[in-house]
């Protein structure tokens, strides 16, 4: 759950960017209307995911998992969202499935 929250926070931080794709324009408009609120909500989601990962795996291991997932999420968000929408959804879904399979093992 913490990993999914990190990816959601990365998406919310990117939503207020001027490079946000046009096929997700409704989300982009809401985020651009209140960029400070969007930023604080994304940071609150990051804090919640860090707390969940720290509780689940211990503080240091949870922190390492959080940082690794944060770097992965930011890179994936910047690389996948500018693609055409069908490719972005397929690749994002594939990445989430791989993450969930790895966490279940």
PDB file of N, CA and C in Angstrom:
ATOM      1  N   UNK A   1       0.816  -1.192   0.000  1.00  0.00           N
ATOM      2  CA  UNK A   1       0.000   0.000   0.000  1.00  0.00           C
ATOM      3  C   UNK A   1       0.861   1.259   0.000  1.00  0.00           C
ATOM      4  N   UNK A   2       1.962   1.195   0.739  1.00  0.00           N
ATOM      5  CA  UNK A   2       2.852   2.347   0.804  1.00  0.00           C
ATOM      6  C   UNK A   2       3.470   2.672  -0.545  1.00  0.00           C
ATOM      7  N   UNK A   3       3.760   1.642  -1.322  1.00  0.00           N
ATOM      8  CA  UNK A   3       4.374   1.860  -2.638  1.00  0.00           C
ATOM      9  C   UNK A   3       3.377   2.511  -3.591  1.00  0.00           C
ATOM     10  N   UNK A   4       2.131   2.079  -3.536  1.00  0.00           N
ATOM     11  CA  UNK A   4       1.102   2.684  -4.381  1.00  0.00           C
ATOM     12  C   UNK A   4       0.891   4.148  -3.989  1.00  0.00           C
ATOM     13  N   UNK A   5       0.958   4.450  -2.695  1.00  0.00           N
ATOM     14  CA  UNK A   5       0.825   5.835  -2.248  1.00  0.00           C
ATOM     15  C   UNK A   5       1.984   6.699  -2.737  1.00  0.00           C
ATOM     16  N   UNK A   6       3.187   6.142  -2.771  1.00  0.00           N
ATOM     17  CA  UNK A   6       4.325   6.899  -3.294  1.00  0.00           C
ATOM     18  C   UNK A   6       4.103   7.226  -4.769  1.00  0.00           C
ATOM     19  N   UNK A   7       3.631   6.256  -5.537  1.00  0.00           N
ATOM     20  CA  UNK A   7       3.384   6.495  -6.965  1.00  0.00           C
ATOM     21  C   UNK A   7       2.266   7.521  -7.166  1.00  0.00           C
ATOM     22  N   UNK A   8       1.250   7.486  -6.314  1.00  0.00           N
ATOM     23  CA  UNK A   8       0.175   8.477  -6.393  1.00  0.00           C
ATOM     24  C   UNK A   8       0.699   9.874  -6.070  1.00  0.00           C
ATOM     25  N   UNK A   9       1.576   9.980  -5.074  1.00  0.00           N
ATOM     26  CA  UNK A   9       2.178  11.270  -4.740  1.00  0.00           C
ATOM     27  C   UNK A   9       3.033  11.813  -5.871  1.00  0.00           C
ATOM     28  N   UNK A  10       3.772  10.941  -6.540  1.00  0.00           N
ATOM     29  CA  UNK A  10       4.579  11.372  -7.687  1.00  0.00           C
ATOM     30  C   UNK A  10       3.681  11.899  -8.808  1.00  0.00           C
ATOM     31  N   UNK A  11       2.567  11.223  -9.045  1.00  0.00           N
ATOM     32  CA  UNK A  11       1.631  11.660 -10.072  1.00  0.00           C
ATOM     33  C   UNK A  11       1.048  13.024  -9.720  1.00  0.00           C
ATOM     34  N   UNK A  12       0.740  13.235  -8.452  1.00  0.00           N
ATOM     35  CA  UNK A  12       0.151  14.514  -8.040  1.00  0.00           C
ATOM     36  C   UNK A  12       1.158  15.654  -8.157  1.00  0.00           C
ATOM     37  N   UNK A  13       2.422  15.389  -7.857  1.00  0.00           N
ATOM     38  CA  UNK A  13       3.432  16.433  -8.028  1.00  0.00           C
ATOM     39  C   UNK A  13       3.611  16.795  -9.496  1.00  0.00           C
ATOM     40  N   UNK A  14       3.520  15.805 -10.365  1.00  0.00           N
ATOM     41  CA  UNK A  14       3.683  16.067 -11.790  1.00  0.00           C
ATOM     42  C   UNK A  14       2.444  16.724 -12.393  1.00  0.00           C
ATOM     43  N   UNK A  15       1.295  16.567 -11.745  1.00  0.00           N
ATOM     44  CA  UNK A  15       0.039  17.096 -12.289  1.00  0.00           C
ATOM     45  C   UNK A  15       0.044  18.612 -12.367  1.00  0.00           C
ATOM     46  N   UNK A  16       0.800  19.288 -11.524  1.00  0.00           N
ATOM     47  CA  UNK A  16       0.806  20.754 -11.551  1.00  0.00           C
ATOM     48  C   UNK A  16       1.859  21.305 -12.515  1.00  0.00           C
ATOM     49  N   UNK A  17       2.566  20.432 -13.196  1.00  0.00           N
ATOM     50  CA  UNK A  17       3.587  20.853 -14.141  1.00  0.00           C
ATOM     51  C   UNK A  17       2.962  21.359 -15.438  1.00  0.00           C
ATOM     52  N   UNK A  18       3.693  22.227 -16.137  1.00  0.00           N
ATOM     53  CA  UNK A  18       3.179  22.708 -17.429  1.00  0.00           C
ATOM     54  C   UNK A  18       3.365  21.662 -18.523  1.00  0.00           C
ATOM     55  N   UNK A  19       4.120  20.603 -18.249  1.00  0.00           N
ATOM     56  CA  UNK A  19       4.343  19.529 -19.213  1.00  0.00           C
ATOM     57  C   UNK A  19       3.349  18.383 -19.034  1.00  0.00           C
ATOM     58  N   UNK A  20       2.345  18.582 -18.180  1.00  0.00           N
ATOM     59  CA  UNK A  20       1.355  17.536 -17.931  1.00  0.00           C
ATOM     60  C   UNK A  20       0.592  17.264 -19.220  1.00  0.00           C
ATOM     61  N   UNK A  21       0.359  15.993 -19.584  1.00  0.00           N
ATOM     62  CA  UNK A  21      -0.273  15.674 -20.867  1.00  0.00           C
ATOM     63  C   UNK A  21      -1.712  16.180 -20.974  1.00  0.00           C
ATOM     64  N   UNK A  22      -2.110  16.469 -22.190  1.00  0.00           N
ATOM     65  CA  UNK A  22      -3.424  17.041 -22.438  1.00  0.00           C
ATOM     66  C   UNK A  22      -4.549  16.018 -22.290  1.00  0.00           C
ATOM     67  N   UNK A  23      -4.280  14.719 -22.467  1.00  0.00           N
ATOM     68  CA  UNK A  23      -5.356  13.745 -22.357  1.00  0.00           C
ATOM     69  C   UNK A  23      -5.801  13.540 -20.906  1.00  0.00           C
ATOM     70  N   UNK A  24      -5.082  14.084 -19.965  1.00  0.00           N
ATOM     71  CA  UNK A  24      -5.489  14.075 -18.556  1.00  0.00           C
ATOM     72  C   UNK A  24      -5.768  15.499 -18.089  1.00  0.00           C
ATOM     73  N   UNK A  25      -6.367  16.290 -18.962  1.00  0.00           N
ATOM     74  CA  UNK A  25      -6.498  17.724 -18.711  1.00  0.00           C
ATOM     75  C   UNK A  25      -7.370  18.055 -17.510  1.00  0.00           C
ATOM     76  N   UNK A  26      -8.365  17.234 -17.185  1.00  0.00           N
ATOM     77  CA  UNK A  26      -9.234  17.515 -16.050  1.00  0.00           C
ATOM     78  C   UNK A  26      -8.435  17.487 -14.746  1.00  0.00           C
ATOM     79  N   UNK A  27      -7.609  16.487 -14.589  1.00  0.00           N
ATOM     80  CA  UNK A  27      -6.754  16.400 -13.390  1.00  0.00           C
ATOM     81  C   UNK A  27      -5.752  17.548 -13.366  1.00  0.00           C
ATOM     82  N   UNK A  28      -5.201  17.884 -14.527  1.00  0.00           N
ATOM     83  CA  UNK A  28      -4.233  18.977 -14.608  1.00  0.00           C
ATOM     84  C   UNK A  28      -4.840  20.320 -14.253  1.00  0.00           C
ATOM     85  N   UNK A  29      -6.091  20.551 -14.676  1.00  0.00           N
ATOM     86  CA  UNK A  29      -6.753  21.819 -14.346  1.00  0.00           C
ATOM     87  C   UNK A  29      -6.982  21.958 -12.848  1.00  0.00           C
ATOM     88  N   UNK A  30      -7.434  20.882 -12.226  1.00  0.00           N
ATOM     89  CA  UNK A  30      -7.677  20.917 -10.779  1.00  0.00           C
ATOM     90  C   UNK A  30      -6.380  21.161 -10.014  1.00  0.00           C
ATOM     91  N   UNK A  31      -5.299  20.540 -10.472  1.00  0.00           N
ATOM     92  CA  UNK A  31      -4.020  20.700  -9.775  1.00  0.00           C
ATOM     93  C   UNK A  31      -3.429  22.093 -10.006  1.00  0.00           C
ATOM     94  N   UNK A  32      -3.639  22.653 -11.191  1.00  0.00           N
ATOM     95  CA  UNK A  32      -3.084  23.974 -11.488  1.00  0.00           C
ATOM     96  C   UNK A  32      -3.880  25.103 -10.850  1.00  0.00           C
ATOM     97  N   UNK A  33      -5.152  24.843 -10.523  1.00  0.00           N
ATOM     98  CA  UNK A  33      -5.944  25.855  -9.837  1.00  0.00           C
ATOM     99  C   UNK A  33      -5.423  26.106  -8.420  1.00  0.00           C
ATOM    100  N   UNK A  34      -4.939  25.058  -7.789  1.00  0.00           N
ATOM    101  CA  UNK A  34      -4.442  25.167  -6.426  1.00  0.00           C
ATOM    102  C   UNK A  34      -3.106  24.417  -6.313  1.00  0.00           C
ATOM    103  N   UNK A  35      -2.009  24.984  -6.838  1.00  0.00           N
ATOM    104  CA  UNK A  35      -0.747  24.245  -6.841  1.00  0.00           C
ATOM    105  C   UNK A  35      -0.166  24.026  -5.448  1.00  0.00           C
ATOM    106  N   UNK A  36      -0.378  24.970  -4.543  1.00  0.00           N
ATOM    107  CA  UNK A  36       0.165  24.801  -3.190  1.00  0.00           C
ATOM    108  C   UNK A  36      -0.571  23.684  -2.459  1.00  0.00           C
ATOM    109  N   UNK A  37      -1.873  23.633  -2.613  1.00  0.00           N
ATOM    110  CA  UNK A  37      -2.653  22.565  -1.998  1.00  0.00           C
ATOM    111  C   UNK A  37      -2.301  21.197  -2.560  1.00  0.00           C
ATOM    112  N   UNK A  38      -2.079  21.147  -3.867  1.00  0.00           N
ATOM    113  CA  UNK A  38      -1.678  19.894  -4.494  1.00  0.00           C
ATOM    114  C   UNK A  38      -0.321  19.444  -3.984  1.00  0.00           C
ATOM    115  N   UNK A  39       0.596  20.374  -3.847  1.00  0.00           N
ATOM    116  CA  UNK A  39       1.928  20.037  -3.340  1.00  0.00           C
ATOM    117  C   UNK A  39       1.856  19.520  -1.902  1.00  0.00           C
ATOM    118  N   UNK A  40       1.075  20.205  -1.055  1.00  0.00           N
ATOM    119  CA  UNK A  40       0.955  19.768   0.343  1.00  0.00           C
ATOM    120  C   UNK A  40       0.262  18.412   0.443  1.00  0.00           C
ATOM    121  N   UNK A  41      -0.731  18.173  -0.398  1.00  0.00           N
ATOM    122  CA  UNK A  41      -1.400  16.876  -0.397  1.00  0.00           C
ATOM    123  C   UNK A  41      -0.443  15.768  -0.834  1.00  0.00           C
ATOM    124  N   UNK A  42       0.380  16.042  -1.837  1.00  0.00           N
ATOM    125  CA  UNK A  42       1.368  15.053  -2.277  1.00  0.00           C
ATOM    126  C   UNK A  42       2.381  14.770  -1.169  1.00  0.00           C
ATOM    127  N   UNK A  43       2.831  15.811  -0.481  1.00  0.00           N
ATOM    128  CA  UNK A  43       3.778  15.601   0.622  1.00  0.00           C
ATOM    129  C   UNK A  43       3.130  14.846   1.776  1.00  0.00           C
ATOM    130  N   UNK A  44       1.854  15.089   2.036  1.00  0.00           N
ATOM    131  CA  UNK A  44       1.148  14.343   3.085  1.00  0.00           C
ATOM    132  C   UNK A  44       1.029  12.863   2.697  1.00  0.00           C
ATOM    133  N   UNK A  45       0.795  12.595   1.415  1.00  0.00           N
ATOM    134  CA  UNK A  45       0.740  11.212   0.943  1.00  0.00           C
ATOM    135  C   UNK A  45       2.108  10.553   1.080  1.00  0.00           C
ATOM    136  N   UNK A  46       3.170  11.304   0.780  1.00  0.00           N
ATOM    137  CA  UNK A  46       4.518  10.770   0.969  1.00  0.00           C
ATOM    138  C   UNK A  46       4.780  10.447   2.440  1.00  0.00           C
ATOM    139  N   UNK A  47       4.379  11.325   3.341  1.00  0.00           N
ATOM    140  CA  UNK A  47       4.588  11.085   4.775  1.00  0.00           C
ATOM    141  C   UNK A  47       3.797   9.864   5.244  1.00  0.00           C
ATOM    142  N   UNK A  48       2.569   9.727   4.753  1.00  0.00           N
ATOM    143  CA  UNK A  48       1.766   8.570   5.108  1.00  0.00           C
ATOM    144  C   UNK A  48       2.398   7.280   4.589  1.00  0.00           C
ATOM    145  N   UNK A  49       2.889   7.301   3.370  1.00  0.00           N
ATOM    146  CA  UNK A  49       3.509   6.097   2.820  1.00  0.00           C
ATOM    147  C   UNK A  49       4.802   5.769   3.554  1.00  0.00           C
ATOM    148  N   UNK A  50       5.560   6.785   3.952  1.00  0.00           N
ATOM    149  CA  UNK A  50       6.780   6.532   4.736  1.00  0.00           C
ATOM    150  C   UNK A  50       6.426   5.924   6.088  1.00  0.00           C
ATOM    151  N   UNK A  51       5.371   6.416   6.703  1.00  0.00           N
ATOM    152  CA  UNK A  51       4.941   5.852   7.988  1.00  0.00           C
ATOM    153  C   UNK A  51       4.468   4.410   7.815  1.00  0.00           C
ATOM    154  N   UNK A  52       3.728   4.137   6.751  1.00  0.00           N
ATOM    155  CA  UNK A  52       3.263   2.767   6.511  1.00  0.00           C
ATOM    156  C   UNK A  52       4.425   1.817   6.239  1.00  0.00           C
ATOM    157  N   UNK A  53       5.358   2.251   5.409  1.00  0.00           N
ATOM    158  CA  UNK A  53       6.507   1.396   5.116  1.00  0.00           C
ATOM    159  C   UNK A  53       7.389   1.215   6.342  1.00  0.00           C
ATOM    160  N   UNK A  54       7.542   2.264   7.142  1.00  0.00           N
ATOM    161  CA  UNK A  54       8.318   2.153   8.373  1.00  0.00           C
ATOM    162  C   UNK A  54       7.670   1.220   9.376  1.00  0.00           C
ATOM    163  N   UNK A  55       6.358   1.248   9.457  1.00  0.00           N
ATOM    164  CA  UNK A  55       5.645   0.350  10.362  1.00  0.00           C
ATOM    165  C   UNK A  55       5.727  -1.094   9.878  1.00  0.00           C
ATOM    166  N   UNK A  56       5.623  -1.277   8.572  1.00  0.00           N
ATOM    167  CA  UNK A  56       5.587  -2.622   8.017  1.00  0.00           C
ATOM    168  C   UNK A  56       6.960  -3.288   8.002  1.00  0.00           C
ATOM    169  N   UNK A  57       8.013  -2.540   7.641  1.00  0.00           N
ATOM    170  CA  UNK A  57       9.333  -3.142   7.461  1.00  0.00           C
ATOM    171  C   UNK A  57      10.365  -2.699   8.492  1.00  0.00           C
ATOM    172  N   UNK A  58      10.026  -1.824   9.380  1.00  0.00           N
ATOM    173  CA  UNK A  58      11.013  -1.242  10.282  1.00  0.00           C
ATOM    174  C   UNK A  58      11.457   0.096   9.708  1.00  0.00           C
ATOM    175  N   UNK A  59      11.996   0.952  10.573  1.00  0.00           N
ATOM    176  CA  UNK A  59      12.256   2.324  10.140  1.00  0.00           C
ATOM    177  C   UNK A  59      13.289   2.407   9.021  1.00  0.00           C
ATOM    178  N   UNK A  60      14.470   1.833   9.196  1.00  0.00           N
ATOM    179  CA  UNK A  60      15.530   2.007   8.200  1.00  0.00           C
ATOM    180  C   UNK A  60      15.185   1.306   6.888  1.00  0.00           C
ATOM    181  N   UNK A  61      14.710   0.077   6.965  1.00  0.00           N
ATOM    182  CA  UNK A  61      14.357  -0.645   5.742  1.00  0.00           C
ATOM    183  C   UNK A  61      13.198   0.042   5.027  1.00  0.00           C
ATOM    184  N   UNK A  62      12.218   0.500   5.780  1.00  0.00           N
ATOM    185  CA  UNK A  62      11.101   1.237   5.184  1.00  0.00           C
ATOM    186  C   UNK A  62      11.552   2.516   4.520  1.00  0.00           C
ATOM    187  N   UNK A  63      12.522   3.205   5.139  1.00  0.00           N
ATOM    188  CA  UNK A  63      13.058   4.433   4.554  1.00  0.00           C
ATOM    189  C   UNK A  63      13.792   4.152   3.248  1.00  0.00           C
ATOM    190  N   UNK A  64      14.558   3.073   3.200  1.00  0.00           N
ATOM    191  CA  UNK A  64      15.271   2.705   1.966  1.00  0.00           C
ATOM    192  C   UNK A  64      14.270   2.327   0.874  1.00  0.00           C
ATOM    193  N   UNK A  65      13.242   1.555   1.227  1.00  0.00           N
ATOM    194  CA  UNK A  65      12.214   1.192   0.250  1.00  0.00           C
ATOM    195  C   UNK A  65      11.487   2.441  -0.236  1.00  0.00           C
ATOM    196  N   UNK A  66      11.201   3.369   0.681  1.00  0.00           N
ATOM    197  CA  UNK A  66      10.530   4.614   0.307  1.00  0.00           C
ATOM    198  C   UNK A  66      11.373   5.424  -0.674  1.00  0.00           C
ATOM    199  N   UNK A  67      12.653   5.593  -0.380  1.00  0.00           N
ATOM    200  CA  UNK A  67      13.511   6.381  -1.274  1.00  0.00           C
ATOM    201  C   UNK A  67      13.667   5.716  -2.641  1.00  0.00           C
ATOM    202  N   UNK A  68      13.813   4.402  -2.645  1.00  0.00           N
ATOM    203  CA  UNK A  68      13.947   3.684  -3.914  1.00  0.00           C
ATOM    204  C   UNK A  68      12.668   3.810  -4.736  1.00  0.00           C
ATOM    205  N   UNK A  69      11.533   3.646  -4.090  1.00  0.00           N
ATOM    206  CA  UNK A  69      10.260   3.766  -4.792  1.00  0.00           C
ATOM    207  C   UNK A  69      10.009   5.197  -5.238  1.00  0.00           C
ATOM    208  N   UNK A  70      10.417   6.166  -4.440  1.00  0.00           N
ATOM    209  CA  UNK A  70      10.251   7.569  -4.817  1.00  0.00           C
ATOM    210  C   UNK A  70      11.064   7.889  -6.069  1.00  0.00           C
ATOM    211  N   UNK A  71      12.316   7.450  -6.110  1.00  0.00           N
ATOM    212  CA  UNK A  71      13.130   7.689  -7.301  1.00  0.00           C
ATOM    213  C   UNK A  71      12.538   6.982  -8.518  1.00  0.00           C
ATOM    214  N   UNK A  72      12.090   5.747  -8.327  1.00  0.00           N
ATOM    215  CA  UNK A  72      11.477   4.996  -9.419  1.00  0.00           C
ATOM    216  C   UNK A  72      10.193   5.678  -9.892  1.00  0.00           C
ATOM    217  N   UNK A  73       9.361   6.099  -8.953  1.00  0.00           N
ATOM    218  CA  UNK A  73       8.090   6.728  -9.297  1.00  0.00           C
ATOM    219  C   UNK A  73       8.261   8.034 -10.033  1.00  0.00           C
ATOM    220  N   UNK A  74       9.205   8.855  -9.595  1.00  0.00           N
ATOM    221  CA  UNK A  74       9.437  10.128 -10.283  1.00  0.00           C
ATOM    222  C   UNK A  74       9.962   9.902 -11.696  1.00  0.00           C
ATOM    223  N   UNK A  75      10.857   8.940 -11.859  1.00  0.00           N
ATOM    224  CA  UNK A  75      11.386   8.648 -13.203  1.00  0.00           C
ATOM    225  C   UNK A  75      10.296   8.095 -14.116  1.00  0.00           C
ATOM    226  N   UNK A  76       9.500   7.175 -13.616  1.00  0.00           N
ATOM    227  CA  UNK A  76       8.437   6.581 -14.423  1.00  0.00           C
ATOM    228  C   UNK A  76       7.388   7.627 -14.792  1.00  0.00           C
ATOM    229  N   UNK A  77       7.076   8.513 -13.851  1.00  0.00           N
ATOM    230  CA  UNK A  77       6.078   9.547 -14.131  1.00  0.00           C
ATOM    231  C   UNK A  77       6.544  10.472 -15.240  1.00  0.00           C
ATOM    232  N   UNK A  78       7.797  10.871 -15.185  1.00  0.00           N
ATOM    233  CA  UNK A  78       8.316  11.794 -16.192  1.00  0.00           C
ATOM    234  C   UNK A  78       8.473  11.108 -17.544  1.00  0.00           C
ATOM    235  N   UNK A  79       8.788   9.819 -17.552  1.00  0.00           N
ATOM    236  CA  UNK A  79       8.997   9.130 -18.820  1.00  0.00           C
ATOM    237  C   UNK A  79       7.706   8.624 -19.452  1.00  0.00           C
ATOM    238  N   UNK A  80       6.738   8.172 -18.648  1.00  0.00           N
ATOM    239  CA  UNK A  80       5.553   7.532 -19.215  1.00  0.00           C
ATOM    240  C   UNK A  80       4.428   8.485 -19.562  1.00  0.00           C
ATOM    241  N   UNK A  81       4.203   9.502 -18.755  1.00  0.00           N
ATOM    242  CA  UNK A  81       3.052  10.361 -19.007  1.00  0.00           C
ATOM    243  C   UNK A  81       3.112  11.153 -20.312  1.00  0.00           C
ATOM    244  N   UNK A  82       4.274  11.591 -20.785  1.00  0.00           N
ATOM    245  CA  UNK A  82       4.271  12.281 -22.080  1.00  0.00           C
ATOM    246  C   UNK A  82       3.965  11.383 -23.281  1.00  0.00           C
ATOM    247  N   UNK A  83       3.987  10.068 -23.101  1.00  0.00           N
ATOM    248  CA  UNK A  83       3.654   9.167 -24.201  1.00  0.00           C
ATOM    249  C   UNK A  83       2.170   9.265 -24.520  1.00  0.00           C
ATOM    250  N   UNK A  84       1.797   8.678 -25.639  1.00  0.00           N
ATOM    251  CA  UNK A  84       0.371   8.640 -25.957  1.00  0.00           C
ATOM    252  C   UNK A  84      -0.352   7.858 -24.873  1.00  0.00           C
ATOM    253  N   UNK A  85      -1.609   8.171 -24.667  1.00  0.00           N
ATOM    254  CA  UNK A  85      -2.316   7.649 -23.502  1.00  0.00           C
ATOM    255  C   UNK A  85      -2.402   6.128 -23.450  1.00  0.00           C
ATOM    256  N   UNK A  86      -2.568   5.435 -24.563  1.00  0.00           N
ATOM    257  CA  UNK A  86      -2.700   3.984 -24.471  1.00  0.00           C
ATOM    258  C   UNK A  86      -1.384   3.337 -24.046  1.00  0.00           C
ATOM    259  N   UNK A  87      -0.257   3.858 -24.516  1.00  0.00           N
ATOM    260  CA  UNK A  87       1.024   3.298 -24.105  1.00  0.00           C
ATOM    261  C   UNK A  87       1.316   3.607 -22.645  1.00  0.00           C
ATOM    262  N   UNK A  88       0.963   4.785 -22.211  1.00  0.00           N
ATOM    263  CA  UNK A  88       1.205   5.157 -20.820  1.00  0.00           C
ATOM    264  C   UNK A  88       0.408   4.280 -19.879  1.00  0.00           C
ATOM    265  N   UNK A  89      -0.843   4.019 -20.202  1.00  0.00           N
ATOM    266  CA  UNK A  89      -1.668   3.182 -19.339  1.00  0.00           C
ATOM    267  C   UNK A  89      -1.166   1.742 -19.319  1.00  0.00           C
ATOM    268  N   UNK A  90      -0.747   1.234 -20.460  1.00  0.00           N
ATOM    269  CA  UNK A  90      -0.241  -0.139 -20.512  1.00  0.00           C
ATOM    270  C   UNK A  90       1.046  -0.263 -19.704  1.00  0.00           C
ATOM    271  N   UNK A  91       1.989   0.653 -19.913  1.00  0.00           N
ATOM    272  CA  UNK A  91       3.249   0.574 -19.185  1.00  0.00           C
ATOM    273  C   UNK A  91       3.079   0.839 -17.694  1.00  0.00           C
ATOM    274  N   UNK A  92       2.228   1.774 -17.331  1.00  0.00           N
ATOM    275  CA  UNK A  92       1.987   2.037 -15.910  1.00  0.00           C
ATOM    276  C   UNK A  92       1.319   0.844 -15.243  1.00  0.00           C
ATOM    277  N   UNK A  93       0.356   0.249 -15.914  1.00  0.00           N
ATOM    278  CA  UNK A  93      -0.281  -0.947 -15.370  1.00  0.00           C
ATOM    279  C   UNK A  93       0.686  -2.094 -15.219  1.00  0.00           C
ATOM    280  N   UNK A  94       1.555  -2.264 -16.204  1.00  0.00           N
ATOM    281  CA  UNK A  94       2.567  -3.317 -16.133  1.00  0.00           C
ATOM    282  C   UNK A  94       3.530  -3.077 -14.972  1.00  0.00           C
ATOM    283  N   UNK A  95       3.951  -1.836 -14.775  1.00  0.00           N
ATOM    284  CA  UNK A  95       4.856  -1.509 -13.663  1.00  0.00           C
ATOM    285  C   UNK A  95       4.194  -1.772 -12.314  1.00  0.00           C
ATOM    286  N   UNK A  96       2.935  -1.405 -12.180  1.00  0.00           N
ATOM    287  CA  UNK A  96       2.234  -1.634 -10.915  1.00  0.00           C
ATOM    288  C   UNK A  96       2.049  -3.124 -10.660  1.00  0.00           C
ATOM    289  N   UNK A  97       1.745  -3.900 -11.694  1.00  0.00           N
ATOM    290  CA  UNK A  97       1.607  -5.343 -11.522  1.00  0.00           C
ATOM    291  C   UNK A  97       2.930  -5.958 -11.090  1.00  0.00           C
ATOM    292  N   UNK A  98       4.035  -5.537 -11.695  1.00  0.00           N
ATOM    293  CA  UNK A  98       5.348  -6.062 -11.317  1.00  0.00           C
ATOM    294  C   UNK A  98       5.667  -5.706  -9.866  1.00  0.00           C
ATOM    295  N   UNK A  99       5.377  -4.484  -9.457  1.00  0.00           N
ATOM    296  CA  UNK A  99       5.631  -4.080  -8.076  1.00  0.00           C
ATOM    297  C   UNK A  99       4.794  -4.907  -7.114  1.00  0.00           C
ATOM    298  N   UNK A 100       3.527  -5.110  -7.422  1.00  0.00           N
ATOM    299  CA  UNK A 100       2.666  -5.888  -6.536  1.00  0.00           C
ATOM    300  C   UNK A 100       3.098  -7.348  -6.464  1.00  0.00           C
ATOM    301  N   UNK A 101       3.547  -7.922  -7.581  1.00  0.00           N
ATOM    302  CA  UNK A 101       4.030  -9.307  -7.567  1.00  0.00           C
ATOM    303  C   UNK A 101       5.304  -9.403  -6.731  1.00  0.00           C
ATOM    304  N   UNK A 102       6.205  -8.449  -6.874  1.00  0.00           N
ATOM    305  CA  UNK A 102       7.438  -8.496  -6.091  1.00  0.00           C
ATOM    306  C   UNK A 102       7.157  -8.354  -4.597  1.00  0.00           C
ATOM    307  N   UNK A 103       6.186  -7.542  -4.234  1.00  0.00           N
ATOM    308  CA  UNK A 103       5.884  -7.358  -2.820  1.00  0.00           C
ATOM    309  C   UNK A 103       5.159  -8.560  -2.222  1.00  0.00           C
ATOM    310  N   UNK A 104       4.451  -9.305  -3.043  1.00  0.00           N
ATOM    311  CA  UNK A 104       3.720 -10.455  -2.512  1.00  0.00           C
ATOM    312  C   UNK A 104       4.633 -11.659  -2.303  1.00  0.00           C
ATOM    313  N   UNK A 105       5.796 -11.684  -2.933  1.00  0.00           N
ATOM    314  CA  UNK A 105       6.707 -12.829  -2.791  1.00  0.00           C
ATOM    315  C   UNK A 105       7.469 -12.802  -1.528  1.00  0.00           C
TER     316      UNK A 105
END
